[in-house]
């Protein structure tokens, strides 16, 4: 049951990162929330396999912190790469005269 809550909080963190960080128009609407969900869930499962107690506070902080870090970093990286790729494509099309 706790994994469901962690996944839900990871999704909400990803949604926050999507709407509060720049570059929203360069990616799909569920990409960053899915990253937050996956990061929080994977860290939670990994820590429970290592024997961390789900009732303790540290497993929650680590899982949700991983969701924040992954959502923010990957959102910024993906949007920056997409903007540069779009600019390169536009320049390539302008050189060939098909733009």
PDB file of N, CA and C in Angstrom:
ATOM      1  N   UNK A   1       0.816  -1.191   0.000  1.00  0.00           N
ATOM      2  CA  UNK A   1       0.000   0.000   0.000  1.00  0.00           C
ATOM      3  C   UNK A   1       0.864   1.261   0.000  1.00  0.00           C
ATOM      4  N   UNK A   2       1.972   1.201   0.740  1.00  0.00           N
ATOM      5  CA  UNK A   2       2.845   2.367   0.804  1.00  0.00           C
ATOM      6  C   UNK A   2       3.482   2.659  -0.550  1.00  0.00           C
ATOM      7  N   UNK A   3       3.758   1.605  -1.323  1.00  0.00           N
ATOM      8  CA  UNK A   3       4.325   1.815  -2.652  1.00  0.00           C
ATOM      9  C   UNK A   3       3.363   2.615  -3.525  1.00  0.00           C
ATOM     10  N   UNK A   4       2.082   2.387  -3.361  1.00  0.00           N
ATOM     11  CA  UNK A   4       1.087   3.159  -4.107  1.00  0.00           C
ATOM     12  C   UNK A   4       1.169   4.645  -3.739  1.00  0.00           C
ATOM     13  N   UNK A   5       1.302   4.928  -2.444  1.00  0.00           N
ATOM     14  CA  UNK A   5       1.413   6.320  -2.009  1.00  0.00           C
ATOM     15  C   UNK A   5       2.708   6.956  -2.506  1.00  0.00           C
ATOM     16  N   UNK A   6       3.787   6.206  -2.479  1.00  0.00           N
ATOM     17  CA  UNK A   6       5.068   6.730  -2.974  1.00  0.00           C
ATOM     18  C   UNK A   6       4.959   7.030  -4.462  1.00  0.00           C
ATOM     19  N   UNK A   7       4.344   6.135  -5.221  1.00  0.00           N
ATOM     20  CA  UNK A   7       4.175   6.364  -6.657  1.00  0.00           C
ATOM     21  C   UNK A   7       3.305   7.592  -6.909  1.00  0.00           C
ATOM     22  N   UNK A   8       2.240   7.746  -6.121  1.00  0.00           N
ATOM     23  CA  UNK A   8       1.368   8.909  -6.279  1.00  0.00           C
ATOM     24  C   UNK A   8       2.116  10.204  -5.960  1.00  0.00           C
ATOM     25  N   UNK A   9       2.874  10.216  -4.875  1.00  0.00           N
ATOM     26  CA  UNK A   9       3.649  11.413  -4.537  1.00  0.00           C
ATOM     27  C   UNK A   9       4.724  11.690  -5.586  1.00  0.00           C
ATOM     28  N   UNK A  10       5.337  10.645  -6.136  1.00  0.00           N
ATOM     29  CA  UNK A  10       6.311  10.828  -7.205  1.00  0.00           C
ATOM     30  C   UNK A  10       5.681  11.432  -8.443  1.00  0.00           C
ATOM     31  N   UNK A  11       4.451  11.013  -8.750  1.00  0.00           N
ATOM     32  CA  UNK A  11       3.725  11.595  -9.876  1.00  0.00           C
ATOM     33  C   UNK A  11       3.432  13.068  -9.635  1.00  0.00           C
ATOM     34  N   UNK A  12       3.007  13.396  -8.432  1.00  0.00           N
ATOM     35  CA  UNK A  12       2.725  14.803  -8.106  1.00  0.00           C
ATOM     36  C   UNK A  12       3.991  15.655  -8.163  1.00  0.00           C
ATOM     37  N   UNK A  13       5.100  15.107  -7.728  1.00  0.00           N
ATOM     38  CA  UNK A  13       6.377  15.833  -7.809  1.00  0.00           C
ATOM     39  C   UNK A  13       6.744  16.057  -9.275  1.00  0.00           C
ATOM     40  N   UNK A  14       6.568  15.032 -10.100  1.00  0.00           N
ATOM     41  CA  UNK A  14       6.839  15.174 -11.525  1.00  0.00           C
ATOM     42  C   UNK A  14       5.931  16.186 -12.192  1.00  0.00           C
ATOM     43  N   UNK A  15       4.670  16.219 -11.799  1.00  0.00           N
ATOM     44  CA  UNK A  15       3.749  17.226 -12.338  1.00  0.00           C
ATOM     45  C   UNK A  15       4.192  18.630 -11.950  1.00  0.00           C
ATOM     46  N   UNK A  16       4.618  18.777 -10.700  1.00  0.00           N
ATOM     47  CA  UNK A  16       5.120  20.080 -10.259  1.00  0.00           C
ATOM     48  C   UNK A  16       6.339  20.504 -11.050  1.00  0.00           C
ATOM     49  N   UNK A  17       7.252  19.562 -11.279  1.00  0.00           N
ATOM     50  CA  UNK A  17       8.444  19.887 -12.064  1.00  0.00           C
ATOM     51  C   UNK A  17       8.070  20.254 -13.493  1.00  0.00           C
ATOM     52  N   UNK A  18       7.093  19.564 -14.048  1.00  0.00           N
ATOM     53  CA  UNK A  18       6.680  19.866 -15.428  1.00  0.00           C
ATOM     54  C   UNK A  18       6.116  21.269 -15.546  1.00  0.00           C
ATOM     55  N   UNK A  19       5.308  21.688 -14.598  1.00  0.00           N
ATOM     56  CA  UNK A  19       4.621  22.964 -14.728  1.00  0.00           C
ATOM     57  C   UNK A  19       5.364  24.142 -14.118  1.00  0.00           C
ATOM     58  N   UNK A  20       6.354  23.893 -13.271  1.00  0.00           N
ATOM     59  CA  UNK A  20       7.085  25.006 -12.668  1.00  0.00           C
ATOM     60  C   UNK A  20       8.453  25.257 -13.290  1.00  0.00           C
ATOM     61  N   UNK A  21       8.941  24.330 -14.102  1.00  0.00           N
ATOM     62  CA  UNK A  21      10.241  24.504 -14.744  1.00  0.00           C
ATOM     63  C   UNK A  21      10.053  24.881 -16.210  1.00  0.00           C
ATOM     64  N   UNK A  22      11.048  25.531 -16.796  1.00  0.00           N
ATOM     65  CA  UNK A  22      10.925  25.908 -18.209  1.00  0.00           C
ATOM     66  C   UNK A  22      11.051  24.697 -19.134  1.00  0.00           C
ATOM     67  N   UNK A  23      10.627  24.880 -20.371  1.00  0.00           N
ATOM     68  CA  UNK A  23      10.781  23.840 -21.380  1.00  0.00           C
ATOM     69  C   UNK A  23       9.596  22.902 -21.488  1.00  0.00           C
ATOM     70  N   UNK A  24       8.471  23.292 -20.947  1.00  0.00           N
ATOM     71  CA  UNK A  24       7.289  22.434 -20.947  1.00  0.00           C
ATOM     72  C   UNK A  24       6.840  22.089 -22.361  1.00  0.00           C
ATOM     73  N   UNK A  25       7.037  22.998 -23.306  1.00  0.00           N
ATOM     74  CA  UNK A  25       6.542  22.769 -24.664  1.00  0.00           C
ATOM     75  C   UNK A  25       7.427  21.824 -25.472  1.00  0.00           C
ATOM     76  N   UNK A  26       8.547  21.403 -24.927  1.00  0.00           N
ATOM     77  CA  UNK A  26       9.470  20.554 -25.673  1.00  0.00           C
ATOM     78  C   UNK A  26       9.309  19.067 -25.391  1.00  0.00           C
ATOM     79  N   UNK A  27       8.341  18.708 -24.558  1.00  0.00           N
ATOM     80  CA  UNK A  27       8.190  17.292 -24.204  1.00  0.00           C
ATOM     81  C   UNK A  27       6.723  16.947 -24.013  1.00  0.00           C
ATOM     82  N   UNK A  28       6.450  15.667 -23.954  1.00  0.00           N
ATOM     83  CA  UNK A  28       5.082  15.205 -23.776  1.00  0.00           C
ATOM     84  C   UNK A  28       4.554  15.496 -22.381  1.00  0.00           C
ATOM     85  N   UNK A  29       3.263  15.423 -22.236  1.00  0.00           N
ATOM     86  CA  UNK A  29       2.640  15.831 -20.976  1.00  0.00           C
ATOM     87  C   UNK A  29       2.846  14.842 -19.837  1.00  0.00           C
ATOM     88  N   UNK A  30       3.165  13.597 -20.132  1.00  0.00           N
ATOM     89  CA  UNK A  30       3.338  12.618 -19.057  1.00  0.00           C
ATOM     90  C   UNK A  30       4.785  12.185 -18.856  1.00  0.00           C
ATOM     91  N   UNK A  31       5.713  12.748 -19.617  1.00  0.00           N
ATOM     92  CA  UNK A  31       7.098  12.309 -19.510  1.00  0.00           C
ATOM     93  C   UNK A  31       7.685  12.600 -18.132  1.00  0.00           C
ATOM     94  N   UNK A  32       7.636  13.825 -17.686  1.00  0.00           N
ATOM     95  CA  UNK A  32       8.256  14.186 -16.404  1.00  0.00           C
ATOM     96  C   UNK A  32       7.493  13.566 -15.225  1.00  0.00           C
ATOM     97  N   UNK A  33       6.154  13.548 -15.219  1.00  0.00           N
ATOM     98  CA  UNK A  33       5.484  12.820 -14.138  1.00  0.00           C
ATOM     99  C   UNK A  33       5.844  11.332 -14.099  1.00  0.00           C
ATOM    100  N   UNK A  34       6.037  10.726 -15.268  1.00  0.00           N
ATOM    101  CA  UNK A  34       6.442   9.319 -15.297  1.00  0.00           C
ATOM    102  C   UNK A  34       7.850   9.140 -14.744  1.00  0.00           C
ATOM    103  N   UNK A  35       8.729  10.091 -15.004  1.00  0.00           N
ATOM    104  CA  UNK A  35      10.079  10.037 -14.447  1.00  0.00           C
ATOM    105  C   UNK A  35      10.024  10.127 -12.930  1.00  0.00           C
ATOM    106  N   UNK A  36       9.216  11.038 -12.402  1.00  0.00           N
ATOM    107  CA  UNK A  36       9.074  11.160 -10.952  1.00  0.00           C
ATOM    108  C   UNK A  36       8.501   9.901 -10.323  1.00  0.00           C
ATOM    109  N   UNK A  37       7.510   9.312 -10.977  1.00  0.00           N
ATOM    110  CA  UNK A  37       6.905   8.081 -10.470  1.00  0.00           C
ATOM    111  C   UNK A  37       7.912   6.946 -10.454  1.00  0.00           C
ATOM    112  N   UNK A  38       8.632   6.786 -11.546  1.00  0.00           N
ATOM    113  CA  UNK A  38       9.602   5.696 -11.648  1.00  0.00           C
ATOM    114  C   UNK A  38      10.742   5.865 -10.643  1.00  0.00           C
ATOM    115  N   UNK A  39      11.247   7.080 -10.499  1.00  0.00           N
ATOM    116  CA  UNK A  39      12.359   7.307  -9.582  1.00  0.00           C
ATOM    117  C   UNK A  39      11.946   7.014  -8.140  1.00  0.00           C
ATOM    118  N   UNK A  40      10.807   7.536  -7.730  1.00  0.00           N
ATOM    119  CA  UNK A  40      10.348   7.307  -6.356  1.00  0.00           C
ATOM    120  C   UNK A  40      10.081   5.829  -6.103  1.00  0.00           C
ATOM    121  N   UNK A  41       9.450   5.170  -7.057  1.00  0.00           N
ATOM    122  CA  UNK A  41       9.113   3.755  -6.881  1.00  0.00           C
ATOM    123  C   UNK A  41      10.353   2.873  -6.853  1.00  0.00           C
ATOM    124  N   UNK A  42      11.290   3.134  -7.755  1.00  0.00           N
ATOM    125  CA  UNK A  42      12.502   2.312  -7.794  1.00  0.00           C
ATOM    126  C   UNK A  42      13.342   2.475  -6.537  1.00  0.00           C
ATOM    127  N   UNK A  43      13.473   3.694  -6.058  1.00  0.00           N
ATOM    128  CA  UNK A  43      14.246   3.906  -4.830  1.00  0.00           C
ATOM    129  C   UNK A  43      13.532   3.252  -3.652  1.00  0.00           C
ATOM    130  N   UNK A  44      12.214   3.373  -3.583  1.00  0.00           N
ATOM    131  CA  UNK A  44      11.452   2.760  -2.501  1.00  0.00           C
ATOM    132  C   UNK A  44      11.642   1.237  -2.487  1.00  0.00           C
ATOM    133  N   UNK A  45      11.486   0.617  -3.647  1.00  0.00           N
ATOM    134  CA  UNK A  45      11.625  -0.838  -3.727  1.00  0.00           C
ATOM    135  C   UNK A  45      13.051  -1.261  -3.388  1.00  0.00           C
ATOM    136  N   UNK A  46      14.021  -0.520  -3.903  1.00  0.00           N
ATOM    137  CA  UNK A  46      15.413  -0.848  -3.587  1.00  0.00           C
ATOM    138  C   UNK A  46      15.717  -0.742  -2.105  1.00  0.00           C
ATOM    139  N   UNK A  47      15.202   0.277  -1.467  1.00  0.00           N
ATOM    140  CA  UNK A  47      15.463   0.453  -0.037  1.00  0.00           C
ATOM    141  C   UNK A  47      14.715  -0.571   0.810  1.00  0.00           C
ATOM    142  N   UNK A  48      13.528  -0.979   0.380  1.00  0.00           N
ATOM    143  CA  UNK A  48      12.836  -2.023   1.134  1.00  0.00           C
ATOM    144  C   UNK A  48      13.555  -3.364   0.982  1.00  0.00           C
ATOM    145  N   UNK A  49      14.135  -3.620  -0.184  1.00  0.00           N
ATOM    146  CA  UNK A  49      14.925  -4.835  -0.354  1.00  0.00           C
ATOM    147  C   UNK A  49      16.176  -4.809   0.514  1.00  0.00           C
ATOM    148  N   UNK A  50      16.687  -3.624   0.768  1.00  0.00           N
ATOM    149  CA  UNK A  50      17.844  -3.501   1.651  1.00  0.00           C
ATOM    150  C   UNK A  50      17.467  -3.570   3.129  1.00  0.00           C
ATOM    151  N   UNK A  51      16.183  -3.663   3.408  1.00  0.00           N
ATOM    152  CA  UNK A  51      15.739  -3.847   4.772  1.00  0.00           C
ATOM    153  C   UNK A  51      15.297  -2.583   5.486  1.00  0.00           C
ATOM    154  N   UNK A  52      15.171  -1.486   4.783  1.00  0.00           N
ATOM    155  CA  UNK A  52      14.709  -0.254   5.421  1.00  0.00           C
ATOM    156  C   UNK A  52      13.235  -0.420   5.791  1.00  0.00           C
ATOM    157  N   UNK A  53      12.876   0.103   6.935  1.00  0.00           N
ATOM    158  CA  UNK A  53      11.513  -0.008   7.438  1.00  0.00           C
ATOM    159  C   UNK A  53      10.626   1.030   6.743  1.00  0.00           C
ATOM    160  N   UNK A  54       9.485   0.597   6.229  1.00  0.00           N
ATOM    161  CA  UNK A  54       8.594   1.523   5.523  1.00  0.00           C
ATOM    162  C   UNK A  54       7.946   2.520   6.468  1.00  0.00           C
ATOM    163  N   UNK A  55       7.922   2.221   7.761  1.00  0.00           N
ATOM    164  CA  UNK A  55       7.332   3.141   8.728  1.00  0.00           C
ATOM    165  C   UNK A  55       8.323   4.224   9.163  1.00  0.00           C
ATOM    166  N   UNK A  56       9.580   4.058   8.795  1.00  0.00           N
ATOM    167  CA  UNK A  56      10.581   5.056   9.148  1.00  0.00           C
ATOM    168  C   UNK A  56      10.513   6.254   8.209  1.00  0.00           C
ATOM    169  N   UNK A  57      11.011   7.365   8.659  1.00  0.00           N
ATOM    170  CA  UNK A  57      10.949   8.576   7.850  1.00  0.00           C
ATOM    171  C   UNK A  57      11.986   8.651   6.749  1.00  0.00           C
ATOM    172  N   UNK A  58      13.131   7.996   6.950  1.00  0.00           N
ATOM    173  CA  UNK A  58      14.221   8.135   5.973  1.00  0.00           C
ATOM    174  C   UNK A  58      13.900   7.524   4.624  1.00  0.00           C
ATOM    175  N   UNK A  59      13.169   6.435   4.610  1.00  0.00           N
ATOM    176  CA  UNK A  59      12.829   5.823   3.323  1.00  0.00           C
ATOM    177  C   UNK A  59      11.929   6.753   2.505  1.00  0.00           C
ATOM    178  N   UNK A  60      11.057   7.483   3.200  1.00  0.00           N
ATOM    179  CA  UNK A  60      10.202   8.441   2.520  1.00  0.00           C
ATOM    180  C   UNK A  60      11.017   9.604   1.984  1.00  0.00           C
ATOM    181  N   UNK A  61      11.904  10.148   2.802  1.00  0.00           N
ATOM    182  CA  UNK A  61      12.725  11.280   2.359  1.00  0.00           C
ATOM    183  C   UNK A  61      13.616  10.900   1.181  1.00  0.00           C
ATOM    184  N   UNK A  62      14.216   9.717   1.246  1.00  0.00           N
ATOM    185  CA  UNK A  62      15.101   9.283   0.163  1.00  0.00           C
ATOM    186  C   UNK A  62      14.314   9.046  -1.129  1.00  0.00           C
ATOM    187  N   UNK A  63      13.176   8.410  -1.043  1.00  0.00           N
ATOM    188  CA  UNK A  63      12.379   8.103  -2.233  1.00  0.00           C
ATOM    189  C   UNK A  63      11.837   9.373  -2.878  1.00  0.00           C
ATOM    190  N   UNK A  64      11.278  10.249  -2.078  1.00  0.00           N
ATOM    191  CA  UNK A  64      10.717  11.473  -2.639  1.00  0.00           C
ATOM    192  C   UNK A  64      11.813  12.452  -3.058  1.00  0.00           C
ATOM    193  N   UNK A  65      12.940  12.428  -2.365  1.00  0.00           N
ATOM    194  CA  UNK A  65      14.083  13.245  -2.797  1.00  0.00           C
ATOM    195  C   UNK A  65      14.625  12.784  -4.139  1.00  0.00           C
ATOM    196  N   UNK A  66      14.648  11.474  -4.349  1.00  0.00           N
ATOM    197  CA  UNK A  66      15.083  10.947  -5.649  1.00  0.00           C
ATOM    198  C   UNK A  66      14.109  11.367  -6.748  1.00  0.00           C
ATOM    199  N   UNK A  67      12.819  11.404  -6.426  1.00  0.00           N
ATOM    200  CA  UNK A  67      11.827  11.845  -7.414  1.00  0.00           C
ATOM    201  C   UNK A  67      12.037  13.309  -7.770  1.00  0.00           C
ATOM    202  N   UNK A  68      12.322  14.140  -6.774  1.00  0.00           N
ATOM    203  CA  UNK A  68      12.576  15.565  -7.036  1.00  0.00           C
ATOM    204  C   UNK A  68      13.825  15.721  -7.895  1.00  0.00           C
ATOM    205  N   UNK A  69      14.899  15.068  -7.490  1.00  0.00           N
ATOM    206  CA  UNK A  69      16.166  15.204  -8.220  1.00  0.00           C
ATOM    207  C   UNK A  69      16.026  14.718  -9.662  1.00  0.00           C
ATOM    208  N   UNK A  70      15.442  13.545  -9.850  1.00  0.00           N
ATOM    209  CA  UNK A  70      15.316  12.993 -11.200  1.00  0.00           C
ATOM    210  C   UNK A  70      14.397  13.852 -12.059  1.00  0.00           C
ATOM    211  N   UNK A  71      13.283  14.313 -11.489  1.00  0.00           N
ATOM    212  CA  UNK A  71      12.346  15.120 -12.264  1.00  0.00           C
ATOM    213  C   UNK A  71      12.958  16.440 -12.701  1.00  0.00           C
ATOM    214  N   UNK A  72      13.645  17.105 -11.787  1.00  0.00           N
ATOM    215  CA  UNK A  72      14.230  18.409 -12.106  1.00  0.00           C
ATOM    216  C   UNK A  72      15.378  18.259 -13.093  1.00  0.00           C
ATOM    217  N   UNK A  73      16.313  17.371 -12.797  1.00  0.00           N
ATOM    218  CA  UNK A  73      17.505  17.226 -13.643  1.00  0.00           C
ATOM    219  C   UNK A  73      17.123  16.749 -15.044  1.00  0.00           C
ATOM    220  N   UNK A  74      16.307  15.709 -15.117  1.00  0.00           N
ATOM    221  CA  UNK A  74      15.961  15.178 -16.443  1.00  0.00           C
ATOM    222  C   UNK A  74      15.063  16.128 -17.223  1.00  0.00           C
ATOM    223  N   UNK A  75      14.195  16.863 -16.545  1.00  0.00           N
ATOM    224  CA  UNK A  75      13.379  17.857 -17.239  1.00  0.00           C
ATOM    225  C   UNK A  75      14.266  18.915 -17.888  1.00  0.00           C
ATOM    226  N   UNK A  76      15.221  19.418 -17.146  1.00  0.00           N
ATOM    227  CA  UNK A  76      16.117  20.443 -17.689  1.00  0.00           C
ATOM    228  C   UNK A  76      16.995  19.888 -18.810  1.00  0.00           C
ATOM    229  N   UNK A  77      17.495  18.667 -18.626  1.00  0.00           N
ATOM    230  CA  UNK A  77      18.346  18.062 -19.662  1.00  0.00           C
ATOM    231  C   UNK A  77      17.564  17.784 -20.946  1.00  0.00           C
ATOM    232  N   UNK A  78      16.388  17.214 -20.811  1.00  0.00           N
ATOM    233  CA  UNK A  78      15.588  16.859 -21.985  1.00  0.00           C
ATOM    234  C   UNK A  78      15.176  18.109 -22.748  1.00  0.00           C
ATOM    235  N   UNK A  79      14.717  19.124 -22.030  1.00  0.00           N
ATOM    236  CA  UNK A  79      14.277  20.335 -22.733  1.00  0.00           C
ATOM    237  C   UNK A  79      15.452  21.038 -23.400  1.00  0.00           C
ATOM    238  N   UNK A  80      16.609  21.080 -22.763  1.00  0.00           N
ATOM    239  CA  UNK A  80      17.784  21.716 -23.367  1.00  0.00           C
ATOM    240  C   UNK A  80      18.222  20.958 -24.615  1.00  0.00           C
ATOM    241  N   UNK A  81      18.258  19.634 -24.539  1.00  0.00           N
ATOM    242  CA  UNK A  81      18.652  18.844 -25.705  1.00  0.00           C
ATOM    243  C   UNK A  81      17.643  18.979 -26.839  1.00  0.00           C
ATOM    244  N   UNK A  82      16.381  19.031 -26.505  1.00  0.00           N
ATOM    245  CA  UNK A  82      15.356  19.148 -27.535  1.00  0.00           C
ATOM    246  C   UNK A  82      15.432  20.500 -28.239  1.00  0.00           C
ATOM    247  N   UNK A  83      15.667  21.567 -27.474  1.00  0.00           N
ATOM    248  CA  UNK A  83      15.788  22.901 -28.072  1.00  0.00           C
ATOM    249  C   UNK A  83      16.982  22.950 -29.012  1.00  0.00           C
ATOM    250  N   UNK A  84      18.120  22.381 -28.585  1.00  0.00           N
ATOM    251  CA  UNK A  84      19.305  22.373 -29.451  1.00  0.00           C
ATOM    252  C   UNK A  84      19.091  21.508 -30.686  1.00  0.00           C
ATOM    253  N   UNK A  85      18.429  20.375 -30.534  1.00  0.00           N
ATOM    254  CA  UNK A  85      18.159  19.516 -31.691  1.00  0.00           C
ATOM    255  C   UNK A  85      17.221  20.199 -32.676  1.00  0.00           C
ATOM    256  N   UNK A  86      16.229  20.919 -32.162  1.00  0.00           N
ATOM    257  CA  UNK A  86      15.320  21.650 -33.042  1.00  0.00           C
ATOM    258  C   UNK A  86      16.057  22.752 -33.797  1.00  0.00           C
ATOM    259  N   UNK A  87      16.967  23.453 -33.123  1.00  0.00           N
ATOM    260  CA  UNK A  87      17.745  24.497 -33.788  1.00  0.00           C
ATOM    261  C   UNK A  87      18.659  23.920 -34.860  1.00  0.00           C
ATOM    262  N   UNK A  88      19.293  22.780 -34.582  1.00  0.00           N
ATOM    263  CA  UNK A  88      20.147  22.133 -35.591  1.00  0.00           C
ATOM    264  C   UNK A  88      19.323  21.697 -36.792  1.00  0.00           C
ATOM    265  N   UNK A  89      18.147  21.148 -36.534  1.00  0.00           N
ATOM    266  CA  UNK A  89      17.291  20.718 -37.629  1.00  0.00           C
ATOM    267  C   UNK A  89      16.837  21.906 -38.465  1.00  0.00           C
ATOM    268  N   UNK A  90      16.487  22.995 -37.819  1.00  0.00           N
ATOM    269  CA  UNK A  90      16.062  24.191 -38.547  1.00  0.00           C
ATOM    270  C   UNK A  90      17.199  24.737 -39.418  1.00  0.00           C
ATOM    271  N   UNK A  91      18.426  24.722 -38.881  1.00  0.00           N
ATOM    272  CA  UNK A  91      19.571  25.184 -39.663  1.00  0.00           C
ATOM    273  C   UNK A  91      19.837  24.246 -40.833  1.00  0.00           C
ATOM    274  N   UNK A  92      19.707  22.947 -40.610  1.00  0.00           N
ATOM    275  CA  UNK A  92      19.916  21.985 -41.698  1.00  0.00           C
ATOM    276  C   UNK A  92      18.856  22.150 -42.788  1.00  0.00           C
ATOM    277  N   UNK A  93      17.633  22.382 -42.386  1.00  0.00           N
ATOM    278  CA  UNK A  93      16.574  22.582 -43.375  1.00  0.00           C
ATOM    279  C   UNK A  93      16.756  23.899 -44.113  1.00  0.00           C
ATOM    280  N   UNK A  94      17.235  24.925 -43.420  1.00  0.00           N
ATOM    281  CA  UNK A  94      17.451  26.221 -44.062  1.00  0.00           C
ATOM    282  C   UNK A  94      18.574  26.121 -45.101  1.00  0.00           C
ATOM    283  N   UNK A  95      19.584  25.298 -44.838  1.00  0.00           N
ATOM    284  CA  UNK A  95      20.686  25.124 -45.801  1.00  0.00           C
ATOM    285  C   UNK A  95      20.209  24.422 -47.059  1.00  0.00           C
ATOM    286  N   UNK A  96      19.290  23.476 -46.919  1.00  0.00           N
ATOM    287  CA  UNK A  96      18.839  22.742 -48.086  1.00  0.00           C
ATOM    288  C   UNK A  96      17.726  23.487 -48.820  1.00  0.00           C
ATOM    289  N   UNK A  97      17.161  24.513 -48.204  1.00  0.00           N
ATOM    290  CA  UNK A  97      16.144  25.328 -48.872  1.00  0.00           C
ATOM    291  C   UNK A  97      14.747  24.749 -48.776  1.00  0.00           C
ATOM    292  N   UNK A  98      14.515  23.817 -47.855  1.00  0.00           N
ATOM    293  CA  UNK A  98      13.172  23.237 -47.724  1.00  0.00           C
ATOM    294  C   UNK A  98      12.416  23.806 -46.550  1.00  0.00           C
ATOM    295  N   UNK A  99      12.964  24.790 -45.899  1.00  0.00           N
ATOM    296  CA  UNK A  99      12.285  25.349 -44.701  1.00  0.00           C
ATOM    297  C   UNK A  99      11.207  26.320 -45.089  1.00  0.00           C
TER     298      UNK A  99
END
